[in-house]
Amino acid sequence: MKIYTKTGDAGETSLFDNTRVSKADARVDAYGDVDEVNACLGAARAAGLDADLGGALEQIQKDLFALGARLADPSSRIAERVTKAAITDADVERLEGTIDRLETELPPLRRFILPGGSPAGSLLHLARTVCRRAERRVVALGPNAVEPVLIVYLNRLSDLLFVMARAANHRARTAETEW
């Protein structure tokens, strides 16, 4: 299989239902931003996270592939056939459980903190901001354009990435800078 197909040379791409759309289409923007979050998480993992945070991020990266597949499937052709392309309430609950668990080891927030800290913590802060952008792009598709759980997942993920950034910095003994 060749990596290049030449089918996108005129600025179009295919969705899962074989619809040809512009690469500037809002749906393509949305799943492109989700892909960017995924790449940021890969960079954070490569920056030296411990096994706990790294393992959680690996699962989230798999979730983001599934979420991107859902976005690229406006006709829901793969929805029922490909179980690994599912995002469910249980996935959101897993994120919430991780937030709750990590917050128990962190000092309480008293002020805003500036994004930064350790290399991994900084990359998690960056991933959080890209995740918020992805969420805005998905919401902009309209109220009936996607499954509501996809928006909930992205919203909760950005919260988790903030907490993970704090945890990565805390575990690296890197102080947070308050604003």
N, C-alpha and C. Protein backbone atom coordinates (compact mmCIF):
# COMPACT_ATOMS: atom_id res chain seq x y z
N MET A 1 0.85 -1.18 0.00
CA MET A 1 0.00 0.00 0.00
C MET A 1 0.89 1.24 0.00
N LYS A 2 0.65 2.13 -0.93
CA LYS A 2 1.42 3.37 -1.00
C LYS A 2 0.80 4.39 -0.05
N ILE A 3 1.66 5.24 0.51
CA ILE A 3 1.19 6.26 1.43
C ILE A 3 0.51 7.40 0.67
N TYR A 4 0.86 7.58 -0.58
CA TYR A 4 0.23 8.65 -1.36
C TYR A 4 -0.72 8.05 -2.38
N THR A 5 -1.85 8.74 -2.54
CA THR A 5 -2.88 8.26 -3.47
C THR A 5 -3.11 9.23 -4.62
N LYS A 6 -2.70 10.47 -4.44
CA LYS A 6 -2.89 11.57 -5.40
C LYS A 6 -4.35 12.00 -5.52
N THR A 7 -5.25 11.38 -4.74
CA THR A 7 -6.66 11.76 -4.83
C THR A 7 -6.95 13.09 -4.13
N GLY A 8 -6.03 13.56 -3.33
CA GLY A 8 -6.23 14.83 -2.64
C GLY A 8 -5.48 15.99 -3.25
N ASP A 9 -4.91 15.77 -4.39
CA ASP A 9 -4.07 16.81 -5.02
C ASP A 9 -4.84 18.05 -5.43
N ALA A 10 -6.15 17.94 -5.58
CA ALA A 10 -6.97 19.10 -5.96
C ALA A 10 -7.62 19.74 -4.74
N GLY A 11 -7.18 19.35 -3.54
CA GLY A 11 -7.69 19.98 -2.33
C GLY A 11 -8.95 19.35 -1.78
N GLU A 12 -9.23 18.11 -2.18
CA GLU A 12 -10.39 17.40 -1.66
C GLU A 12 -9.95 16.12 -0.96
N THR A 13 -10.85 15.60 -0.13
CA THR A 13 -10.63 14.33 0.56
C THR A 13 -11.94 13.58 0.63
N SER A 14 -11.89 12.32 0.98
CA SER A 14 -13.10 11.51 1.11
C SER A 14 -13.41 11.25 2.57
N LEU A 15 -14.70 11.35 2.90
CA LEU A 15 -15.17 10.91 4.20
C LEU A 15 -15.46 9.42 4.12
N PHE A 16 -15.78 8.79 5.26
CA PHE A 16 -16.02 7.34 5.26
C PHE A 16 -17.18 6.93 4.37
N ASP A 17 -18.13 7.84 4.15
CA ASP A 17 -19.27 7.48 3.28
C ASP A 17 -18.97 7.76 1.81
N ASN A 18 -17.69 8.00 1.51
CA ASN A 18 -17.19 8.27 0.16
C ASN A 18 -17.59 9.63 -0.40
N THR A 19 -18.18 10.48 0.42
CA THR A 19 -18.46 11.84 0.02
C THR A 19 -17.13 12.58 -0.15
N ARG A 20 -16.98 13.28 -1.27
CA ARG A 20 -15.79 14.10 -1.50
C ARG A 20 -16.08 15.50 -0.96
N VAL A 21 -15.17 15.99 -0.12
CA VAL A 21 -15.32 17.33 0.46
C VAL A 21 -14.00 18.06 0.37
N SER A 22 -14.07 19.37 0.47
CA SER A 22 -12.87 20.19 0.50
C SER A 22 -12.07 19.86 1.76
N LYS A 23 -10.76 19.94 1.65
CA LYS A 23 -9.92 19.75 2.83
C LYS A 23 -10.10 20.89 3.83
N ALA A 24 -10.79 21.96 3.40
CA ALA A 24 -11.11 23.07 4.28
C ALA A 24 -12.51 22.93 4.89
N ASP A 25 -13.19 21.81 4.63
CA ASP A 25 -14.51 21.55 5.17
C ASP A 25 -14.47 21.56 6.70
N ALA A 26 -15.53 22.05 7.32
CA ALA A 26 -15.58 22.15 8.78
C ALA A 26 -15.39 20.79 9.47
N ARG A 27 -15.91 19.74 8.88
CA ARG A 27 -15.77 18.40 9.47
C ARG A 27 -14.31 17.95 9.41
N VAL A 28 -13.64 18.24 8.31
CA VAL A 28 -12.22 17.88 8.17
C VAL A 28 -11.39 18.70 9.16
N ASP A 29 -11.74 19.98 9.32
CA ASP A 29 -11.08 20.80 10.34
C ASP A 29 -11.22 20.17 11.72
N ALA A 30 -12.43 19.72 12.04
CA ALA A 30 -12.69 19.15 13.37
C ALA A 30 -11.86 17.90 13.61
N TYR A 31 -11.87 16.95 12.65
CA TYR A 31 -11.09 15.74 12.93
C TYR A 31 -9.60 16.00 12.78
N GLY A 32 -9.22 17.03 12.04
CA GLY A 32 -7.81 17.42 11.98
C GLY A 32 -7.33 17.96 13.32
N ASP A 33 -8.17 18.73 14.00
CA ASP A 33 -7.80 19.23 15.32
C ASP A 33 -7.72 18.09 16.34
N VAL A 34 -8.60 17.11 16.22
CA VAL A 34 -8.53 15.94 17.10
C VAL A 34 -7.22 15.19 16.85
N ASP A 35 -6.82 15.09 15.60
CA ASP A 35 -5.55 14.45 15.26
C ASP A 35 -4.38 15.24 15.85
N GLU A 36 -4.49 16.55 15.86
CA GLU A 36 -3.44 17.39 16.44
C GLU A 36 -3.34 17.17 17.95
N VAL A 37 -4.47 17.03 18.62
CA VAL A 37 -4.44 16.70 20.06
C VAL A 37 -3.69 15.39 20.26
N ASN A 38 -3.99 14.41 19.41
CA ASN A 38 -3.36 13.10 19.52
C ASN A 38 -1.84 13.22 19.36
N ALA A 39 -1.40 14.02 18.40
CA ALA A 39 0.04 14.21 18.20
C ALA A 39 0.67 14.90 19.41
N CYS A 40 -0.02 15.86 19.99
CA CYS A 40 0.49 16.53 21.21
C CYS A 40 0.64 15.53 22.35
N LEU A 41 -0.31 14.61 22.45
CA LEU A 41 -0.22 13.59 23.51
C LEU A 41 0.95 12.66 23.26
N GLY A 42 1.21 12.34 22.01
CA GLY A 42 2.39 11.53 21.68
C GLY A 42 3.67 12.24 22.08
N ALA A 43 3.73 13.55 21.84
CA ALA A 43 4.91 14.33 22.23
C ALA A 43 5.05 14.35 23.75
N ALA A 44 3.94 14.48 24.46
CA ALA A 44 3.99 14.48 25.93
C ALA A 44 4.49 13.12 26.44
N ARG A 45 4.01 12.04 25.84
CA ARG A 45 4.48 10.71 26.24
C ARG A 45 5.98 10.57 25.98
N ALA A 46 6.44 11.10 24.86
CA ALA A 46 7.86 11.00 24.52
C ALA A 46 8.73 11.87 25.42
N ALA A 47 8.13 12.84 26.08
CA ALA A 47 8.88 13.75 26.95
C ALA A 47 9.20 13.13 28.31
N GLY A 48 8.78 11.90 28.53
CA GLY A 48 9.20 11.21 29.74
C GLY A 48 8.20 11.19 30.86
N LEU A 49 6.97 10.81 30.57
CA LEU A 49 5.97 10.65 31.64
C LEU A 49 6.16 9.30 32.33
N ASP A 50 5.71 9.22 33.56
CA ASP A 50 5.76 7.94 34.26
C ASP A 50 4.75 6.97 33.64
N ALA A 51 4.82 5.71 34.05
CA ALA A 51 3.98 4.66 33.45
C ALA A 51 2.49 4.93 33.69
N ASP A 52 2.15 5.49 34.83
CA ASP A 52 0.74 5.78 35.15
C ASP A 52 0.16 6.77 34.15
N LEU A 53 0.79 7.93 34.01
CA LEU A 53 0.28 8.95 33.10
C LEU A 53 0.45 8.52 31.65
N GLY A 54 1.58 7.90 31.34
CA GLY A 54 1.81 7.45 29.97
C GLY A 54 0.80 6.40 29.52
N GLY A 55 0.46 5.49 30.40
CA GLY A 55 -0.53 4.46 30.08
C GLY A 55 -1.91 5.06 29.87
N ALA A 56 -2.27 6.02 30.70
CA ALA A 56 -3.57 6.68 30.54
C ALA A 56 -3.62 7.42 29.20
N LEU A 57 -2.51 8.07 28.85
CA LEU A 57 -2.47 8.80 27.57
C LEU A 57 -2.53 7.86 26.38
N GLU A 58 -1.92 6.70 26.48
CA GLU A 58 -1.99 5.74 25.37
C GLU A 58 -3.44 5.35 25.08
N GLN A 59 -4.21 5.09 26.13
CA GLN A 59 -5.62 4.76 25.94
C GLN A 59 -6.38 5.95 25.34
N ILE A 60 -6.06 7.15 25.80
CA ILE A 60 -6.72 8.35 25.27
C ILE A 60 -6.38 8.53 23.79
N GLN A 61 -5.14 8.24 23.41
CA GLN A 61 -4.78 8.34 21.99
C GLN A 61 -5.62 7.39 21.15
N LYS A 62 -5.86 6.19 21.67
CA LYS A 62 -6.74 5.24 20.96
C LYS A 62 -8.16 5.79 20.88
N ASP A 63 -8.62 6.37 21.98
CA ASP A 63 -9.95 6.99 21.99
C ASP A 63 -10.04 8.08 20.92
N LEU A 64 -8.98 8.88 20.81
CA LEU A 64 -9.01 9.98 19.84
C LEU A 64 -9.05 9.48 18.41
N PHE A 65 -8.41 8.35 18.12
CA PHE A 65 -8.57 7.74 16.79
C PHE A 65 -10.03 7.39 16.55
N ALA A 66 -10.66 6.80 17.57
CA ALA A 66 -12.08 6.45 17.45
C ALA A 66 -12.94 7.69 17.25
N LEU A 67 -12.66 8.73 18.02
CA LEU A 67 -13.42 9.96 17.92
C LEU A 67 -13.26 10.58 16.53
N GLY A 68 -12.04 10.60 16.02
CA GLY A 68 -11.81 11.11 14.67
C GLY A 68 -12.54 10.30 13.62
N ALA A 69 -12.58 8.99 13.81
CA ALA A 69 -13.31 8.13 12.86
C ALA A 69 -14.79 8.48 12.88
N ARG A 70 -15.35 8.73 14.07
CA ARG A 70 -16.76 9.11 14.16
C ARG A 70 -17.01 10.43 13.43
N LEU A 71 -16.09 11.37 13.57
CA LEU A 71 -16.25 12.66 12.89
C LEU A 71 -16.16 12.52 11.37
N ALA A 72 -15.35 11.58 10.91
CA ALA A 72 -15.17 11.38 9.47
C ALA A 72 -16.27 10.50 8.88
N ASP A 73 -17.27 10.15 9.69
CA ASP A 73 -18.32 9.23 9.29
C ASP A 73 -19.70 9.87 9.47
N PRO A 74 -20.02 10.92 8.70
CA PRO A 74 -21.29 11.62 8.92
C PRO A 74 -22.52 10.75 8.65
N SER A 75 -22.40 9.73 7.87
CA SER A 75 -23.54 8.85 7.58
C SER A 75 -23.61 7.65 8.52
N SER A 76 -22.72 7.61 9.50
CA SER A 76 -22.66 6.53 10.49
C SER A 76 -22.54 5.15 9.85
N ARG A 77 -21.72 5.05 8.83
CA ARG A 77 -21.54 3.77 8.15
C ARG A 77 -20.69 2.80 8.97
N ILE A 78 -19.73 3.33 9.74
CA ILE A 78 -18.89 2.43 10.54
C ILE A 78 -19.39 2.28 11.96
N ALA A 79 -20.31 3.12 12.35
CA ALA A 79 -20.72 3.20 13.75
C ALA A 79 -21.09 1.84 14.36
N GLU A 80 -21.90 1.07 13.69
CA GLU A 80 -22.36 -0.19 14.26
C GLU A 80 -21.40 -1.35 13.97
N ARG A 81 -20.54 -1.20 12.97
CA ARG A 81 -19.71 -2.33 12.54
C ARG A 81 -18.35 -2.38 13.21
N VAL A 82 -17.83 -1.24 13.62
CA VAL A 82 -16.45 -1.18 14.11
C VAL A 82 -16.47 -0.77 15.58
N THR A 83 -16.41 -1.74 16.46
CA THR A 83 -16.55 -1.44 17.89
C THR A 83 -15.38 -0.62 18.42
N LYS A 84 -14.20 -0.75 17.83
CA LYS A 84 -13.08 0.04 18.35
C LYS A 84 -13.21 1.51 17.97
N ALA A 85 -14.17 1.85 17.12
CA ALA A 85 -14.42 3.25 16.75
C ALA A 85 -15.55 3.84 17.57
N ALA A 86 -15.78 3.29 18.75
CA ALA A 86 -16.86 3.78 19.61
C ALA A 86 -16.31 4.66 20.72
N ILE A 87 -17.07 5.70 21.04
CA ILE A 87 -16.83 6.52 22.23
C ILE A 87 -18.13 6.48 23.01
N THR A 88 -18.03 6.09 24.28
CA THR A 88 -19.24 5.88 25.08
C THR A 88 -19.19 6.68 26.38
N ASP A 89 -20.31 6.65 27.09
CA ASP A 89 -20.36 7.27 28.41
C ASP A 89 -19.33 6.66 29.34
N ALA A 90 -19.04 5.37 29.18
CA ALA A 90 -18.04 4.71 30.03
C ALA A 90 -16.65 5.32 29.80
N ASP A 91 -16.37 5.75 28.58
CA ASP A 91 -15.08 6.40 28.30
C ASP A 91 -15.00 7.74 29.03
N VAL A 92 -16.10 8.48 29.03
CA VAL A 92 -16.15 9.75 29.77
C VAL A 92 -15.97 9.48 31.26
N GLU A 93 -16.63 8.46 31.78
CA GLU A 93 -16.50 8.12 33.19
C GLU A 93 -15.07 7.72 33.55
N ARG A 94 -14.38 7.05 32.63
CA ARG A 94 -12.98 6.69 32.87
C ARG A 94 -12.14 7.97 33.02
N LEU A 95 -12.39 8.96 32.16
CA LEU A 95 -11.66 10.23 32.26
C LEU A 95 -11.94 10.90 33.60
N GLU A 96 -13.20 10.91 33.99
CA GLU A 96 -13.58 11.52 35.27
C GLU A 96 -12.92 10.81 36.45
N GLY A 97 -12.86 9.50 36.40
CA GLY A 97 -12.20 8.74 37.46
C GLY A 97 -10.72 9.07 37.56
N THR A 98 -10.09 9.26 36.40
CA THR A 98 -8.66 9.61 36.39
C THR A 98 -8.47 11.01 36.96
N ILE A 99 -9.35 11.94 36.61
CA ILE A 99 -9.27 13.29 37.17
C ILE A 99 -9.37 13.21 38.69
N ASP A 100 -10.38 12.52 39.18
CA ASP A 100 -10.60 12.42 40.63
C ASP A 100 -9.40 11.80 41.33
N ARG A 101 -8.84 10.75 40.75
CA ARG A 101 -7.69 10.07 41.36
C ARG A 101 -6.46 10.98 41.39
N LEU A 102 -6.18 11.67 40.28
CA LEU A 102 -5.00 12.53 40.23
C LEU A 102 -5.13 13.74 41.15
N GLU A 103 -6.33 14.27 41.27
CA GLU A 103 -6.52 15.46 42.12
C GLU A 103 -6.22 15.18 43.58
N THR A 104 -6.31 13.92 43.99
CA THR A 104 -6.03 13.61 45.40
C THR A 104 -4.57 13.82 45.76
N GLU A 105 -3.68 13.78 44.77
CA GLU A 105 -2.25 13.95 45.06
C GLU A 105 -1.77 15.39 44.85
N LEU A 106 -2.65 16.27 44.37
CA LEU A 106 -2.24 17.63 44.03
C LEU A 106 -2.64 18.63 45.10
N PRO A 107 -1.81 19.66 45.28
CA PRO A 107 -2.25 20.74 46.17
C PRO A 107 -3.45 21.45 45.56
N PRO A 108 -4.36 21.93 46.39
CA PRO A 108 -5.54 22.61 45.84
C PRO A 108 -5.15 23.88 45.08
N LEU A 109 -5.93 24.17 44.06
CA LEU A 109 -5.70 25.40 43.29
C LEU A 109 -6.22 26.59 44.08
N ARG A 110 -5.41 27.62 44.21
CA ARG A 110 -5.82 28.83 44.90
C ARG A 110 -5.86 30.02 43.93
N ARG A 111 -5.12 29.89 42.85
CA ARG A 111 -5.02 30.94 41.83
C ARG A 111 -4.90 30.27 40.46
N PHE A 112 -5.00 31.08 39.42
CA PHE A 112 -4.69 30.58 38.09
C PHE A 112 -3.21 30.24 38.05
N ILE A 113 -2.84 29.26 37.22
CA ILE A 113 -1.43 28.95 37.04
C ILE A 113 -1.07 29.15 35.57
N LEU A 114 0.17 29.55 35.35
CA LEU A 114 0.65 29.72 34.00
C LEU A 114 1.01 28.37 33.41
N PRO A 115 0.64 28.10 32.16
CA PRO A 115 1.05 26.84 31.54
C PRO A 115 2.57 26.77 31.49
N GLY A 116 3.11 25.62 31.78
CA GLY A 116 4.56 25.46 31.76
C GLY A 116 4.98 24.34 32.69
N GLY A 117 6.19 24.47 33.19
CA GLY A 117 6.72 23.46 34.10
C GLY A 117 7.69 22.54 33.42
N SER A 118 7.57 21.26 33.71
CA SER A 118 8.44 20.25 33.12
C SER A 118 8.12 20.12 31.63
N PRO A 119 9.04 19.51 30.85
CA PRO A 119 8.73 19.33 29.42
C PRO A 119 7.40 18.59 29.21
N ALA A 120 7.17 17.50 29.93
CA ALA A 120 5.92 16.75 29.75
C ALA A 120 4.72 17.57 30.22
N GLY A 121 4.85 18.24 31.34
CA GLY A 121 3.76 19.09 31.84
C GLY A 121 3.42 20.20 30.87
N SER A 122 4.42 20.82 30.30
CA SER A 122 4.20 21.88 29.32
C SER A 122 3.47 21.35 28.09
N LEU A 123 3.87 20.17 27.62
CA LEU A 123 3.22 19.59 26.44
C LEU A 123 1.78 19.18 26.75
N LEU A 124 1.50 18.77 27.97
CA LEU A 124 0.12 18.47 28.35
C LEU A 124 -0.73 19.74 28.39
N HIS A 125 -0.13 20.85 28.85
CA HIS A 125 -0.86 22.13 28.79
C HIS A 125 -1.15 22.51 27.33
N LEU A 126 -0.17 22.31 26.46
CA LEU A 126 -0.39 22.59 25.04
C LEU A 126 -1.50 21.68 24.49
N ALA A 127 -1.47 20.41 24.82
CA ALA A 127 -2.50 19.48 24.37
C ALA A 127 -3.88 19.93 24.85
N ARG A 128 -3.94 20.46 26.07
CA ARG A 128 -5.22 20.94 26.62
C ARG A 128 -5.79 22.07 25.76
N THR A 129 -4.94 23.00 25.34
CA THR A 129 -5.44 24.12 24.54
C THR A 129 -5.86 23.66 23.15
N VAL A 130 -5.14 22.71 22.58
CA VAL A 130 -5.52 22.16 21.27
C VAL A 130 -6.83 21.39 21.41
N CYS A 131 -7.00 20.69 22.52
CA CYS A 131 -8.24 19.95 22.78
C CYS A 131 -9.42 20.91 22.87
N ARG A 132 -9.24 22.04 23.52
CA ARG A 132 -10.32 23.03 23.60
C ARG A 132 -10.69 23.53 22.20
N ARG A 133 -9.68 23.74 21.36
CA ARG A 133 -9.96 24.17 19.97
C ARG A 133 -10.73 23.08 19.23
N ALA A 134 -10.30 21.83 19.39
CA ALA A 134 -11.00 20.72 18.74
C ALA A 134 -12.45 20.68 19.21
N GLU A 135 -12.67 20.88 20.49
CA GLU A 135 -14.04 20.88 21.02
C GLU A 135 -14.87 21.98 20.35
N ARG A 136 -14.29 23.17 20.23
CA ARG A 136 -15.02 24.28 19.57
C ARG A 136 -15.35 23.94 18.13
N ARG A 137 -14.41 23.30 17.42
CA ARG A 137 -14.66 22.92 16.02
C ARG A 137 -15.78 21.89 15.91
N VAL A 138 -15.80 20.93 16.82
CA VAL A 138 -16.85 19.91 16.79
C VAL A 138 -18.20 20.54 17.11
N VAL A 139 -18.24 21.41 18.12
CA VAL A 139 -19.49 22.10 18.46
C VAL A 139 -19.98 22.93 17.27
N ALA A 140 -19.06 23.56 16.55
CA ALA A 140 -19.43 24.40 15.41
C ALA A 140 -20.07 23.61 14.26
N LEU A 141 -19.92 22.30 14.26
CA LEU A 141 -20.57 21.49 13.22
C LEU A 141 -22.09 21.52 13.34
N GLY A 142 -22.60 21.87 14.50
CA GLY A 142 -24.04 21.98 14.70
C GLY A 142 -24.57 20.95 15.67
N PRO A 143 -25.75 21.20 16.21
CA PRO A 143 -26.28 20.36 17.28
C PRO A 143 -26.60 18.92 16.89
N ASN A 144 -26.89 18.66 15.64
CA ASN A 144 -27.23 17.30 15.24
C ASN A 144 -26.18 16.66 14.35
N ALA A 145 -25.02 17.28 14.25
CA ALA A 145 -23.99 16.80 13.33
C ALA A 145 -23.15 15.66 13.90
N VAL A 146 -23.10 15.56 15.23
CA VAL A 146 -22.29 14.52 15.87
C VAL A 146 -23.02 13.97 17.08
N GLU A 147 -22.58 12.81 17.52
CA GLU A 147 -23.13 12.24 18.74
C GLU A 147 -22.74 13.14 19.92
N PRO A 148 -23.67 13.49 20.79
CA PRO A 148 -23.36 14.38 21.92
C PRO A 148 -22.20 13.89 22.79
N VAL A 149 -22.02 12.58 22.92
CA VAL A 149 -20.96 12.05 23.78
C VAL A 149 -19.58 12.48 23.27
N LEU A 150 -19.43 12.76 21.98
CA LEU A 150 -18.14 13.19 21.46
C LEU A 150 -17.75 14.56 22.04
N ILE A 151 -18.72 15.44 22.15
CA ILE A 151 -18.46 16.76 22.73
C ILE A 151 -18.17 16.64 24.22
N VAL A 152 -18.94 15.81 24.90
CA VAL A 152 -18.71 15.59 26.34
C VAL A 152 -17.30 15.03 26.55
N TYR A 153 -16.91 14.07 25.73
CA TYR A 153 -15.59 13.46 25.86
C TYR A 153 -14.50 14.52 25.71
N LEU A 154 -14.59 15.35 24.69
CA LEU A 154 -13.56 16.38 24.48
C LEU A 154 -13.54 17.39 25.62
N ASN A 155 -14.71 17.74 26.12
CA ASN A 155 -14.78 18.67 27.24
C ASN A 155 -14.09 18.08 28.46
N ARG A 156 -14.41 16.83 28.78
CA ARG A 156 -13.80 16.19 29.93
C ARG A 156 -12.31 15.96 29.73
N LEU A 157 -11.93 15.64 28.49
CA LEU A 157 -10.51 15.41 28.20
C LEU A 157 -9.69 16.67 28.47
N SER A 158 -10.19 17.82 28.08
CA SER A 158 -9.41 19.04 28.33
C SER A 158 -9.24 19.27 29.83
N ASP A 159 -10.28 18.95 30.61
CA ASP A 159 -10.14 19.04 32.08
C ASP A 159 -9.06 18.07 32.57
N LEU A 160 -9.11 16.85 32.06
CA LEU A 160 -8.12 15.85 32.47
C LEU A 160 -6.71 16.28 32.08
N LEU A 161 -6.54 16.85 30.90
CA LEU A 161 -5.20 17.25 30.48
C LEU A 161 -4.63 18.35 31.38
N PHE A 162 -5.50 19.24 31.87
CA PHE A 162 -5.06 20.25 32.83
C PHE A 162 -4.56 19.57 34.11
N VAL A 163 -5.34 18.63 34.62
CA VAL A 163 -4.97 17.92 35.85
C VAL A 163 -3.72 17.08 35.61
N MET A 164 -3.62 16.44 34.45
CA MET A 164 -2.43 15.65 34.14
C MET A 164 -1.18 16.52 34.06
N ALA A 165 -1.32 17.71 33.49
CA ALA A 165 -0.17 18.63 33.43
C ALA A 165 0.29 18.98 34.84
N ARG A 166 -0.67 19.25 35.70
CA ARG A 166 -0.33 19.56 37.09
C ARG A 166 0.33 18.35 37.76
N ALA A 167 -0.21 17.15 37.51
CA ALA A 167 0.34 15.94 38.12
C ALA A 167 1.75 15.67 37.59
N ALA A 168 1.95 15.84 36.28
CA ALA A 168 3.29 15.63 35.71
C ALA A 168 4.29 16.59 36.34
N ASN A 169 3.90 17.83 36.51
CA ASN A 169 4.79 18.81 37.13
C ASN A 169 5.03 18.48 38.60
N HIS A 170 3.98 18.09 39.29
CA HIS A 170 4.10 17.74 40.71
C HIS A 170 5.04 16.54 40.89
N ARG A 171 4.86 15.52 40.06
CA ARG A 171 5.70 14.33 40.16
C ARG A 171 7.14 14.62 39.75
N ALA A 172 7.34 15.61 38.89
CA ALA A 172 8.70 16.02 38.48
C ALA A 172 9.29 17.03 39.46
N ARG A 173 8.53 17.35 40.50
CA ARG A 173 8.95 18.32 41.51
C ARG A 173 9.25 19.69 40.87
N THR A 174 8.40 20.04 39.91
CA THR A 174 8.53 21.33 39.21
C THR A 174 7.40 22.23 39.71
N ALA A 175 7.76 23.37 40.24
CA ALA A 175 6.78 24.29 40.81
C ALA A 175 5.90 24.89 39.72
N GLU A 176 4.64 25.15 40.10
CA GLU A 176 3.73 25.86 39.22
C GLU A 176 3.88 27.35 39.47
N THR A 177 3.78 28.12 38.41
CA THR A 177 3.86 29.57 38.53
C THR A 177 2.45 30.13 38.58
N GLU A 178 2.13 30.77 39.68
CA GLU A 178 0.79 31.34 39.85
C GLU A 178 0.69 32.69 39.16
N TRP A 179 -0.52 33.02 38.78
CA TRP A 179 -0.78 34.33 38.17
C TRP A 179 -1.62 35.15 39.13
